[in-house]
PDB file of all heavy atoms in Angstrom:
ATOM      1  N   MET A   1     -33.018  14.747 -85.538  1.00  0.00           N
ATOM      2  CA  MET A   1     -33.436  13.526 -86.228  1.00  0.00           C
ATOM      3  C   MET A   1     -33.142  12.304 -85.357  1.00  0.00           C
ATOM      4  O   MET A   1     -33.944  11.373 -85.266  1.00  0.00           O
ATOM      5  CB  MET A   1     -32.708  13.414 -87.560  1.00  0.00           C
ATOM      6  CG  MET A   1     -33.186  12.277 -88.435  1.00  0.00           C
ATOM      7  SD  MET A   1     -34.663  12.748 -89.348  1.00  0.00           S
ATOM      8  CE  MET A   1     -34.668  11.445 -90.602  1.00  0.00           C
ATOM      9  N   VAL A   2     -31.975  12.307 -84.716  1.00  0.00           N
ATOM     10  CA  VAL A   2     -31.621  11.194 -83.845  1.00  0.00           C
ATOM     11  C   VAL A   2     -32.609  11.114 -82.677  1.00  0.00           C
ATOM     12  O   VAL A   2     -33.063  10.031 -82.293  1.00  0.00           O
ATOM     13  CB  VAL A   2     -30.177  11.335 -83.330  1.00  0.00           C
ATOM     14  CG1 VAL A   2     -29.831  10.217 -82.357  1.00  0.00           C
ATOM     15  CG2 VAL A   2     -29.195  11.329 -84.502  1.00  0.00           C
ATOM     16  N   LEU A   3     -32.948  12.272 -82.114  1.00  0.00           N
ATOM     17  CA  LEU A   3     -33.886  12.292 -80.995  1.00  0.00           C
ATOM     18  C   LEU A   3     -35.250  11.733 -81.390  1.00  0.00           C
ATOM     19  O   LEU A   3     -35.900  11.029 -80.618  1.00  0.00           O
ATOM     20  CB  LEU A   3     -34.037  13.715 -80.466  1.00  0.00           C
ATOM     21  CG  LEU A   3     -32.813  14.272 -79.742  1.00  0.00           C
ATOM     22  CD1 LEU A   3     -32.959  15.766 -79.520  1.00  0.00           C
ATOM     23  CD2 LEU A   3     -32.603  13.565 -78.424  1.00  0.00           C
ATOM     24  N   ASN A   4     -35.660  12.019 -82.619  1.00  0.00           N
ATOM     25  CA  ASN A   4     -36.947  11.511 -83.072  1.00  0.00           C
ATOM     26  C   ASN A   4     -36.913  10.012 -83.340  1.00  0.00           C
ATOM     27  O   ASN A   4     -37.960   9.396 -83.526  1.00  0.00           O
ATOM     28  CB  ASN A   4     -37.386  12.251 -84.332  1.00  0.00           C
ATOM     29  CG  ASN A   4     -38.095  13.560 -84.012  1.00  0.00           C
ATOM     30  OD1 ASN A   4     -38.787  13.663 -83.018  1.00  0.00           O
ATOM     31  ND2 ASN A   4     -37.899  14.557 -84.843  1.00  0.00           N
ATOM     32  N   HIS A   5     -35.721   9.440 -83.369  1.00  0.00           N
ATOM     33  CA  HIS A   5     -35.584   7.992 -83.572  1.00  0.00           C
ATOM     34  C   HIS A   5     -35.057   7.296 -82.322  1.00  0.00           C
ATOM     35  O   HIS A   5     -34.725   6.123 -82.371  1.00  0.00           O
ATOM     36  CB  HIS A   5     -34.618   7.708 -84.735  1.00  0.00           C
ATOM     37  CG  HIS A   5     -35.217   7.951 -86.088  1.00  0.00           C
ATOM     38  ND1 HIS A   5     -35.420   9.212 -86.586  1.00  0.00           N
ATOM     39  CD2 HIS A   5     -35.658   7.086 -87.043  1.00  0.00           C
ATOM     40  CE1 HIS A   5     -35.947   9.119 -87.800  1.00  0.00           C
ATOM     41  NE2 HIS A   5     -36.113   7.855 -88.092  1.00  0.00           N
ATOM     42  N   CYS A   6     -35.003   8.003 -81.199  1.00  0.00           N
ATOM     43  CA  CYS A   6     -34.303   7.425 -80.055  1.00  0.00           C
ATOM     44  C   CYS A   6     -34.991   6.181 -79.523  1.00  0.00           C
ATOM     45  O   CYS A   6     -34.338   5.319 -78.931  1.00  0.00           O
ATOM     46  CB  CYS A   6     -34.098   8.457 -78.947  1.00  0.00           C
ATOM     47  SG  CYS A   6     -35.585   8.913 -78.043  1.00  0.00           S
ATOM     48  N   GLN A   7     -36.295   6.035 -79.731  1.00  0.00           N
ATOM     49  CA  GLN A   7     -36.953   4.827 -79.244  1.00  0.00           C
ATOM     50  C   GLN A   7     -36.374   3.578 -79.913  1.00  0.00           C
ATOM     51  O   GLN A   7     -36.329   2.509 -79.295  1.00  0.00           O
ATOM     52  CB  GLN A   7     -38.464   4.915 -79.478  1.00  0.00           C
ATOM     53  CG  GLN A   7     -39.166   6.030 -78.698  1.00  0.00           C
ATOM     54  CD  GLN A   7     -39.049   5.845 -77.191  1.00  0.00           C
ATOM     55  OE1 GLN A   7     -38.919   4.733 -76.716  1.00  0.00           O
ATOM     56  NE2 GLN A   7     -39.084   6.935 -76.446  1.00  0.00           N
ATOM     57  N   ALA A   8     -35.934   3.716 -81.159  1.00  0.00           N
ATOM     58  CA  ALA A   8     -35.343   2.566 -81.848  1.00  0.00           C
ATOM     59  C   ALA A   8     -34.015   2.168 -81.226  1.00  0.00           C
ATOM     60  O   ALA A   8     -33.556   1.030 -81.404  1.00  0.00           O
ATOM     61  CB  ALA A   8     -35.144   2.893 -83.330  1.00  0.00           C
ATOM     62  N   LEU A   9     -33.393   3.083 -80.494  1.00  0.00           N
ATOM     63  CA  LEU A   9     -32.132   2.785 -79.826  1.00  0.00           C
ATOM     64  C   LEU A   9     -32.349   2.187 -78.434  1.00  0.00           C
ATOM     65  O   LEU A   9     -31.386   1.806 -77.777  1.00  0.00           O
ATOM     66  CB  LEU A   9     -31.293   4.064 -79.686  1.00  0.00           C
ATOM     67  CG  LEU A   9     -30.772   4.671 -80.981  1.00  0.00           C
ATOM     68  CD1 LEU A   9     -30.233   6.067 -80.725  1.00  0.00           C
ATOM     69  CD2 LEU A   9     -29.686   3.783 -81.589  1.00  0.00           C
ATOM     70  N   LEU A  10     -33.593   2.114 -78.010  1.00  0.00           N
ATOM     71  CA  LEU A  10     -33.868   1.733 -76.629  1.00  0.00           C
ATOM     72  C   LEU A  10     -34.411   0.320 -76.488  1.00  0.00           C
ATOM     73  O   LEU A  10     -34.865  -0.059 -75.420  1.00  0.00           O
ATOM     74  CB  LEU A  10     -34.839   2.741 -75.996  1.00  0.00           C
ATOM     75  CG  LEU A  10     -34.246   4.142 -75.859  1.00  0.00           C
ATOM     76  CD1 LEU A  10     -35.284   5.118 -75.330  1.00  0.00           C
ATOM     77  CD2 LEU A  10     -33.030   4.136 -74.964  1.00  0.00           C
ATOM     78  N   THR A  11     -34.399  -0.452 -77.551  1.00  0.00           N
ATOM     79  CA  THR A  11     -34.716  -1.860 -77.411  1.00  0.00           C
ATOM     80  C   THR A  11     -33.618  -2.511 -76.592  1.00  0.00           C
ATOM     81  O   THR A  11     -32.459  -2.116 -76.660  1.00  0.00           O
ATOM     82  CB  THR A  11     -34.823  -2.535 -78.778  1.00  0.00           C
ATOM     83  OG1 THR A  11     -33.587  -2.339 -79.486  1.00  0.00           O
ATOM     84  CG2 THR A  11     -35.969  -1.942 -79.589  1.00  0.00           C
ATOM     85  N   SER A  12     -33.971  -3.513 -75.814  1.00  0.00           N
ATOM     86  CA  SER A  12     -32.983  -4.108 -74.923  1.00  0.00           C
ATOM     87  C   SER A  12     -33.406  -5.519 -74.548  1.00  0.00           C
ATOM     88  O   SER A  12     -34.586  -5.867 -74.575  1.00  0.00           O
ATOM     89  CB  SER A  12     -32.850  -3.268 -73.651  1.00  0.00           C
ATOM     90  OG  SER A  12     -31.987  -3.889 -72.713  1.00  0.00           O
ATOM     91  N   THR A  13     -32.415  -6.328 -74.211  1.00  0.00           N
ATOM     92  CA  THR A  13     -32.718  -7.607 -73.589  1.00  0.00           C
ATOM     93  C   THR A  13     -33.327  -7.357 -72.212  1.00  0.00           C
ATOM     94  O   THR A  13     -33.060  -6.315 -71.589  1.00  0.00           O
ATOM     95  CB  THR A  13     -31.437  -8.430 -73.417  1.00  0.00           C
ATOM     96  OG1 THR A  13     -30.514  -7.669 -72.614  1.00  0.00           O
ATOM     97  CG2 THR A  13     -30.783  -8.753 -74.756  1.00  0.00           C
ATOM     98  N   PRO A  14     -34.125  -8.290 -71.706  1.00  0.00           N
ATOM     99  CA  PRO A  14     -34.680  -8.099 -70.352  1.00  0.00           C
ATOM    100  C   PRO A  14     -33.599  -7.973 -69.290  1.00  0.00           C
ATOM    101  O   PRO A  14     -33.776  -7.266 -68.294  1.00  0.00           O
ATOM    102  CB  PRO A  14     -35.513  -9.370 -70.142  1.00  0.00           C
ATOM    103  CG  PRO A  14     -35.848  -9.852 -71.513  1.00  0.00           C
ATOM    104  CD  PRO A  14     -34.656  -9.495 -72.354  1.00  0.00           C
ATOM    105  N   GLU A  15     -32.450  -8.618 -69.513  1.00  0.00           N
ATOM    106  CA  GLU A  15     -31.376  -8.584 -68.516  1.00  0.00           C
ATOM    107  C   GLU A  15     -30.601  -7.274 -68.530  1.00  0.00           C
ATOM    108  O   GLU A  15     -29.982  -6.892 -67.543  1.00  0.00           O
ATOM    109  CB  GLU A  15     -30.392  -9.734 -68.758  1.00  0.00           C
ATOM    110  CG  GLU A  15     -31.013 -11.111 -68.724  1.00  0.00           C
ATOM    111  CD  GLU A  15     -31.470 -11.583 -70.093  1.00  0.00           C
ATOM    112  OE1 GLU A  15     -31.725 -10.734 -70.976  1.00  0.00           O
ATOM    113  OE2 GLU A  15     -31.566 -12.814 -70.274  1.00  0.00           O
ATOM    114  N   GLY A  16     -30.596  -6.595 -69.683  1.00  0.00           N
ATOM    115  CA  GLY A  16     -29.822  -5.362 -69.819  1.00  0.00           C
ATOM    116  C   GLY A  16     -30.708  -4.137 -69.782  1.00  0.00           C
ATOM    117  O   GLY A  16     -31.855  -4.185 -69.338  1.00  0.00           O
ATOM    118  N   ALA A  17     -30.177  -3.015 -70.250  1.00  0.00           N
ATOM    119  CA  ALA A  17     -30.940  -1.768 -70.283  1.00  0.00           C
ATOM    120  C   ALA A  17     -30.277  -0.809 -71.247  1.00  0.00           C
ATOM    121  O   ALA A  17     -29.070  -0.897 -71.516  1.00  0.00           O
ATOM    122  CB  ALA A  17     -31.019  -1.142 -68.896  1.00  0.00           C
ATOM    123  N   THR A  18     -31.079   0.115 -71.779  1.00  0.00           N
ATOM    124  CA  THR A  18     -30.546   1.181 -72.624  1.00  0.00           C
ATOM    125  C   THR A  18     -31.197   2.495 -72.221  1.00  0.00           C
ATOM    126  O   THR A  18     -32.317   2.531 -71.716  1.00  0.00           O
ATOM    127  CB  THR A  18     -30.830   0.927 -74.123  1.00  0.00           C
ATOM    128  OG1 THR A  18     -32.243   0.780 -74.308  1.00  0.00           O
ATOM    129  CG2 THR A  18     -30.115  -0.313 -74.619  1.00  0.00           C
ATOM    130  N   GLY A  19     -30.475   3.580 -72.452  1.00  0.00           N
ATOM    131  CA  GLY A  19     -30.999   4.908 -72.188  1.00  0.00           C
ATOM    132  C   GLY A  19     -30.471   5.882 -73.212  1.00  0.00           C
ATOM    133  O   GLY A  19     -29.491   5.608 -73.916  1.00  0.00           O
ATOM    134  N   PHE A  20     -31.107   7.048 -73.319  1.00  0.00           N
ATOM    135  CA  PHE A  20     -30.705   8.068 -74.291  1.00  0.00           C
ATOM    136  C   PHE A  20     -30.709   9.423 -73.605  1.00  0.00           C
ATOM    137  O   PHE A  20     -31.679   9.786 -72.943  1.00  0.00           O
ATOM    138  CB  PHE A  20     -31.679   8.081 -75.472  1.00  0.00           C
ATOM    139  CG  PHE A  20     -31.210   8.914 -76.641  1.00  0.00           C
ATOM    140  CD1 PHE A  20     -30.687   8.320 -77.771  1.00  0.00           C
ATOM    141  CD2 PHE A  20     -31.285  10.298 -76.594  1.00  0.00           C
ATOM    142  CE1 PHE A  20     -30.254   9.079 -78.835  1.00  0.00           C
ATOM    143  CE2 PHE A  20     -30.848  11.070 -77.649  1.00  0.00           C
ATOM    144  CZ  PHE A  20     -30.329  10.461 -78.784  1.00  0.00           C
ATOM    145  N   ILE A  21     -29.633  10.162 -73.777  1.00  0.00           N
ATOM    146  CA  ILE A  21     -29.503  11.497 -73.202  1.00  0.00           C
ATOM    147  C   ILE A  21     -29.419  12.522 -74.331  1.00  0.00           C
ATOM    148  O   ILE A  21     -28.591  12.394 -75.230  1.00  0.00           O
ATOM    149  CB  ILE A  21     -28.240  11.606 -72.324  1.00  0.00           C
ATOM    150  CG1 ILE A  21     -28.301  10.622 -71.157  1.00  0.00           C
ATOM    151  CG2 ILE A  21     -28.071  13.031 -71.804  1.00  0.00           C
ATOM    152  CD1 ILE A  21     -27.008  10.544 -70.370  1.00  0.00           C
ATOM    153  N   ASP A  22     -30.266  13.528 -74.278  1.00  0.00           N
ATOM    154  CA  ASP A  22     -30.224  14.651 -75.204  1.00  0.00           C
ATOM    155  C   ASP A  22     -29.252  15.683 -74.628  1.00  0.00           C
ATOM    156  O   ASP A  22     -29.584  16.402 -73.688  1.00  0.00           O
ATOM    157  CB  ASP A  22     -31.632  15.232 -75.359  1.00  0.00           C
ATOM    158  CG  ASP A  22     -31.648  16.573 -76.087  1.00  0.00           C
ATOM    159  OD1 ASP A  22     -30.639  16.938 -76.719  1.00  0.00           O
ATOM    160  OD2 ASP A  22     -32.679  17.265 -75.989  1.00  0.00           O
ATOM    161  N   ALA A  23     -28.039  15.717 -75.177  1.00  0.00           N
ATOM    162  CA  ALA A  23     -27.035  16.641 -74.639  1.00  0.00           C
ATOM    163  C   ALA A  23     -25.982  16.940 -75.685  1.00  0.00           C
ATOM    164  O   ALA A  23     -25.661  16.094 -76.536  1.00  0.00           O
ATOM    165  CB  ALA A  23     -26.370  16.066 -73.384  1.00  0.00           C
ATOM    166  N   ASP A  24     -25.422  18.128 -75.608  1.00  0.00           N
ATOM    167  CA  ASP A  24     -24.296  18.535 -76.436  1.00  0.00           C
ATOM    168  C   ASP A  24     -23.012  17.953 -75.856  1.00  0.00           C
ATOM    169  O   ASP A  24     -22.909  17.725 -74.642  1.00  0.00           O
ATOM    170  CB  ASP A  24     -24.211  20.071 -76.460  1.00  0.00           C
ATOM    171  CG  ASP A  24     -23.079  20.570 -77.319  1.00  0.00           C
ATOM    172  OD1 ASP A  24     -23.258  20.678 -78.544  1.00  0.00           O
ATOM    173  OD2 ASP A  24     -21.991  20.843 -76.755  1.00  0.00           O
ATOM    174  N   LEU A  25     -22.026  17.733 -76.719  1.00  0.00           N
ATOM    175  CA  LEU A  25     -20.754  17.180 -76.265  1.00  0.00           C
ATOM    176  C   LEU A  25     -20.100  18.022 -75.171  1.00  0.00           C
ATOM    177  O   LEU A  25     -19.355  17.487 -74.351  1.00  0.00           O
ATOM    178  CB  LEU A  25     -19.784  17.059 -77.443  1.00  0.00           C
ATOM    179  CG  LEU A  25     -19.894  15.834 -78.348  1.00  0.00           C
ATOM    180  CD1 LEU A  25     -18.934  15.962 -79.518  1.00  0.00           C
ATOM    181  CD2 LEU A  25     -19.622  14.573 -77.567  1.00  0.00           C
ATOM    182  N   HIS A  26     -20.361  19.310 -75.180  1.00  0.00           N
ATOM    183  CA  HIS A  26     -19.729  20.178 -74.187  1.00  0.00           C
ATOM    184  C   HIS A  26     -20.436  20.151 -72.832  1.00  0.00           C
ATOM    185  O   HIS A  26     -19.884  20.633 -71.850  1.00  0.00           O
ATOM    186  CB  HIS A  26     -19.686  21.625 -74.702  1.00  0.00           C
ATOM    187  CG  HIS A  26     -18.758  21.821 -75.863  1.00  0.00           C
ATOM    188  ND1 HIS A  26     -19.162  21.690 -77.181  1.00  0.00           N
ATOM    189  CD2 HIS A  26     -17.437  22.121 -75.900  1.00  0.00           C
ATOM    190  CE1 HIS A  26     -18.140  21.920 -77.977  1.00  0.00           C
ATOM    191  NE2 HIS A  26     -17.081  22.185 -77.243  1.00  0.00           N
ATOM    192  N   ASP A  27     -21.647  19.608 -72.788  1.00  0.00           N
ATOM    193  CA  ASP A  27     -22.422  19.623 -71.546  1.00  0.00           C
ATOM    194  C   ASP A  27     -22.091  18.378 -70.727  1.00  0.00           C
ATOM    195  O   ASP A  27     -22.930  17.507 -70.506  1.00  0.00           O
ATOM    196  CB  ASP A  27     -23.910  19.689 -71.875  1.00  0.00           C
ATOM    197  CG  ASP A  27     -24.748  20.142 -70.696  1.00  0.00           C
ATOM    198  OD1 ASP A  27     -24.177  20.259 -69.584  1.00  0.00           O
ATOM    199  OD2 ASP A  27     -25.955  20.376 -70.870  1.00  0.00           O
ATOM    200  N   LEU A  28     -20.846  18.313 -70.270  1.00  0.00           N
ATOM    201  CA  LEU A  28     -20.351  17.092 -69.643  1.00  0.00           C
ATOM    202  C   LEU A  28     -20.985  16.838 -68.280  1.00  0.00           C
ATOM    203  O   LEU A  28     -21.192  15.673 -67.901  1.00  0.00           O
ATOM    204  CB  LEU A  28     -18.828  17.166 -69.517  1.00  0.00           C
ATOM    205  CG  LEU A  28     -18.072  17.337 -70.840  1.00  0.00           C
ATOM    206  CD1 LEU A  28     -16.574  17.346 -70.595  1.00  0.00           C
ATOM    207  CD2 LEU A  28     -18.447  16.244 -71.830  1.00  0.00           C
ATOM    208  N   ASP A  29     -21.311  17.894 -67.527  1.00  0.00           N
ATOM    209  CA  ASP A  29     -21.953  17.689 -66.226  1.00  0.00           C
ATOM    210  C   ASP A  29     -23.308  17.008 -66.401  1.00  0.00           C
ATOM    211  O   ASP A  29     -23.653  16.081 -65.656  1.00  0.00           O
ATOM    212  CB  ASP A  29     -22.132  19.026 -65.498  1.00  0.00           C
ATOM    213  CG  ASP A  29     -20.808  19.609 -65.025  1.00  0.00           C
ATOM    214  OD1 ASP A  29     -19.843  18.834 -64.885  1.00  0.00           O
ATOM    215  OD2 ASP A  29     -20.741  20.838 -64.816  1.00  0.00           O
ATOM    216  N   ARG A  30     -24.059  17.454 -67.383  1.00  0.00           N
ATOM    217  CA  ARG A  30     -25.360  16.837 -67.654  1.00  0.00           C
ATOM    218  C   ARG A  30     -25.191  15.382 -68.093  1.00  0.00           C
ATOM    219  O   ARG A  30     -25.913  14.489 -67.644  1.00  0.00           O
ATOM    220  CB  ARG A  30     -26.091  17.639 -68.727  1.00  0.00           C
ATOM    221  CG  ARG A  30     -27.415  17.015 -69.167  1.00  0.00           C
ATOM    222  CD  ARG A  30     -28.158  17.954 -70.093  1.00  0.00           C
ATOM    223  NE  ARG A  30     -29.401  17.356 -70.564  1.00  0.00           N
ATOM    224  CZ  ARG A  30     -30.471  18.048 -70.933  1.00  0.00           C
ATOM    225  NH1 ARG A  30     -30.468  19.358 -70.844  1.00  0.00           N
ATOM    226  NH2 ARG A  30     -31.548  17.435 -71.379  1.00  0.00           N
ATOM    227  N   ILE A  31     -24.234  15.137 -68.980  1.00  0.00           N
ATOM    228  CA  ILE A  31     -24.002  13.773 -69.456  1.00  0.00           C
ATOM    229  C   ILE A  31     -23.661  12.851 -68.294  1.00  0.00           C
ATOM    230  O   ILE A  31     -24.225  11.761 -68.153  1.00  0.00           O
ATOM    231  CB  ILE A  31     -22.885  13.766 -70.514  1.00  0.00           C
ATOM    232  CG1 ILE A  31     -23.356  14.456 -71.804  1.00  0.00           C
ATOM    233  CG2 ILE A  31     -22.436  12.328 -70.818  1.00  0.00           C
ATOM    234  CD1 ILE A  31     -22.259  14.665 -72.826  1.00  0.00           C
ATOM    235  N   LEU A  32     -22.738  13.282 -67.454  1.00  0.00           N
ATOM    236  CA  LEU A  32     -22.311  12.419 -66.352  1.00  0.00           C
ATOM    237  C   LEU A  32     -23.414  12.230 -65.325  1.00  0.00           C
ATOM    238  O   LEU A  32     -23.616  11.121 -64.811  1.00  0.00           O
ATOM    239  CB  LEU A  32     -21.060  13.016 -65.694  1.00  0.00           C
ATOM    240  CG  LEU A  32     -19.792  12.941 -66.537  1.00  0.00           C
ATOM    241  CD1 LEU A  32     -18.680  13.778 -65.917  1.00  0.00           C
ATOM    242  CD2 LEU A  32     -19.340  11.494 -66.714  1.00  0.00           C
ATOM    243  N   ASP A  33     -24.148  13.289 -65.015  1.00  0.00           N
ATOM    244  CA  ASP A  33     -25.217  13.181 -64.025  1.00  0.00           C
ATOM    245  C   ASP A  33     -26.288  12.198 -64.489  1.00  0.00           C
ATOM    246  O   ASP A  33     -26.724  11.326 -63.721  1.00  0.00           O
ATOM    247  CB  ASP A  33     -25.835  14.555 -63.769  1.00  0.00           C
ATOM    248  CG  ASP A  33     -26.992  14.493 -62.788  1.00  0.00           C
ATOM    249  OD1 ASP A  33     -26.735  14.172 -61.612  1.00  0.00           O
ATOM    250  OD2 ASP A  33     -28.140  14.756 -63.192  1.00  0.00           O
ATOM    251  N   GLN A  34     -26.698  12.299 -65.736  1.00  0.00           N
ATOM    252  CA  GLN A  34     -27.773  11.442 -66.214  1.00  0.00           C
ATOM    253  C   GLN A  34     -27.276  10.026 -66.521  1.00  0.00           C
ATOM    254  O   GLN A  34     -28.027   9.060 -66.354  1.00  0.00           O
ATOM    255  CB  GLN A  34     -28.433  12.074 -67.436  1.00  0.00           C
ATOM    256  CG  GLN A  34     -29.151  13.367 -67.078  1.00  0.00           C
ATOM    257  CD  GLN A  34     -29.868  13.990 -68.255  1.00  0.00           C
ATOM    258  OE1 GLN A  34     -30.164  13.331 -69.239  1.00  0.00           O
ATOM    259  NE2 GLN A  34     -30.154  15.273 -68.144  1.00  0.00           N
ATOM    260  N   THR A  35     -26.024   9.899 -66.935  1.00  0.00           N
ATOM    261  CA  THR A  35     -25.476   8.558 -67.135  1.00  0.00           C
ATOM    262  C   THR A  35     -25.483   7.779 -65.830  1.00  0.00           C
ATOM    263  O   THR A  35     -25.716   6.561 -65.811  1.00  0.00           O
ATOM    264  CB  THR A  35     -24.039   8.645 -67.686  1.00  0.00           C
ATOM    265  OG1 THR A  35     -24.061   9.297 -68.957  1.00  0.00           O
ATOM    266  CG2 THR A  35     -23.429   7.261 -67.866  1.00  0.00           C
ATOM    267  N   GLY A  36     -25.243   8.476 -64.724  1.00  0.00           N
ATOM    268  CA  GLY A  36     -25.237   7.820 -63.424  1.00  0.00           C
ATOM    269  C   GLY A  36     -26.571   7.248 -63.007  1.00  0.00           C
ATOM    270  O   GLY A  36     -26.644   6.452 -62.061  1.00  0.00           O
ATOM    271  N   GLN A  37     -27.649   7.614 -63.714  1.00  0.00           N
ATOM    272  CA  GLN A  37     -28.960   7.037 -63.410  1.00  0.00           C
ATOM    273  C   GLN A  37     -29.085   5.603 -63.920  1.00  0.00           C
ATOM    274  O   GLN A  37     -29.958   4.862 -63.464  1.00  0.00           O
ATOM    275  CB  GLN A  37     -30.069   7.899 -64.023  1.00  0.00           C
ATOM    276  CG  GLN A  37     -30.136   9.316 -63.481  1.00  0.00           C
ATOM    277  CD  GLN A  37     -31.228  10.121 -64.159  1.00  0.00           C
ATOM    278  OE1 GLN A  37     -32.317   9.610 -64.403  1.00  0.00           O
ATOM    279  NE2 GLN A  37     -30.942  11.369 -64.464  1.00  0.00           N
ATOM    280  N   LEU A  38     -28.239   5.232 -64.880  1.00  0.00           N
ATOM    281  CA  LEU A  38     -28.346   3.907 -65.472  1.00  0.00           C
ATOM    282  C   LEU A  38     -27.087   3.069 -65.313  1.00  0.00           C
ATOM    283  O   LEU A  38     -27.156   1.857 -65.149  1.00  0.00           O
ATOM    284  CB  LEU A  38     -28.683   4.024 -66.963  1.00  0.00           C
ATOM    285  CG  LEU A  38     -28.995   2.716 -67.690  1.00  0.00           C
ATOM    286  CD1 LEU A  38     -30.228   2.054 -67.092  1.00  0.00           C
ATOM    287  CD2 LEU A  38     -29.225   2.968 -69.180  1.00  0.00           C
ATOM    288  N   LEU A  39     -25.926   3.727 -65.348  1.00  0.00           N
ATOM    289  CA  LEU A  39     -24.667   2.997 -65.251  1.00  0.00           C
ATOM    290  C   LEU A  39     -24.084   3.122 -63.853  1.00  0.00           C
ATOM    291  O   LEU A  39     -24.263   4.142 -63.178  1.00  0.00           O
ATOM    292  CB  LEU A  39     -23.662   3.517 -66.285  1.00  0.00           C
ATOM    293  CG  LEU A  39     -24.105   3.493 -67.753  1.00  0.00           C
ATOM    294  CD1 LEU A  39     -22.927   3.871 -68.656  1.00  0.00           C
ATOM    295  CD2 LEU A  39     -24.678   2.144 -68.148  1.00  0.00           C
TER     296      LEU A  39
END
């Protein structure tokens, strides 16, 4: 359900940015790898 609403989480100021990662809490390598694309 959250994934189907993720676009609503991606509004942002022009100066900032937002992103959404589909991952389980245990999949830490995936979380960190993809977080590094934005942060």
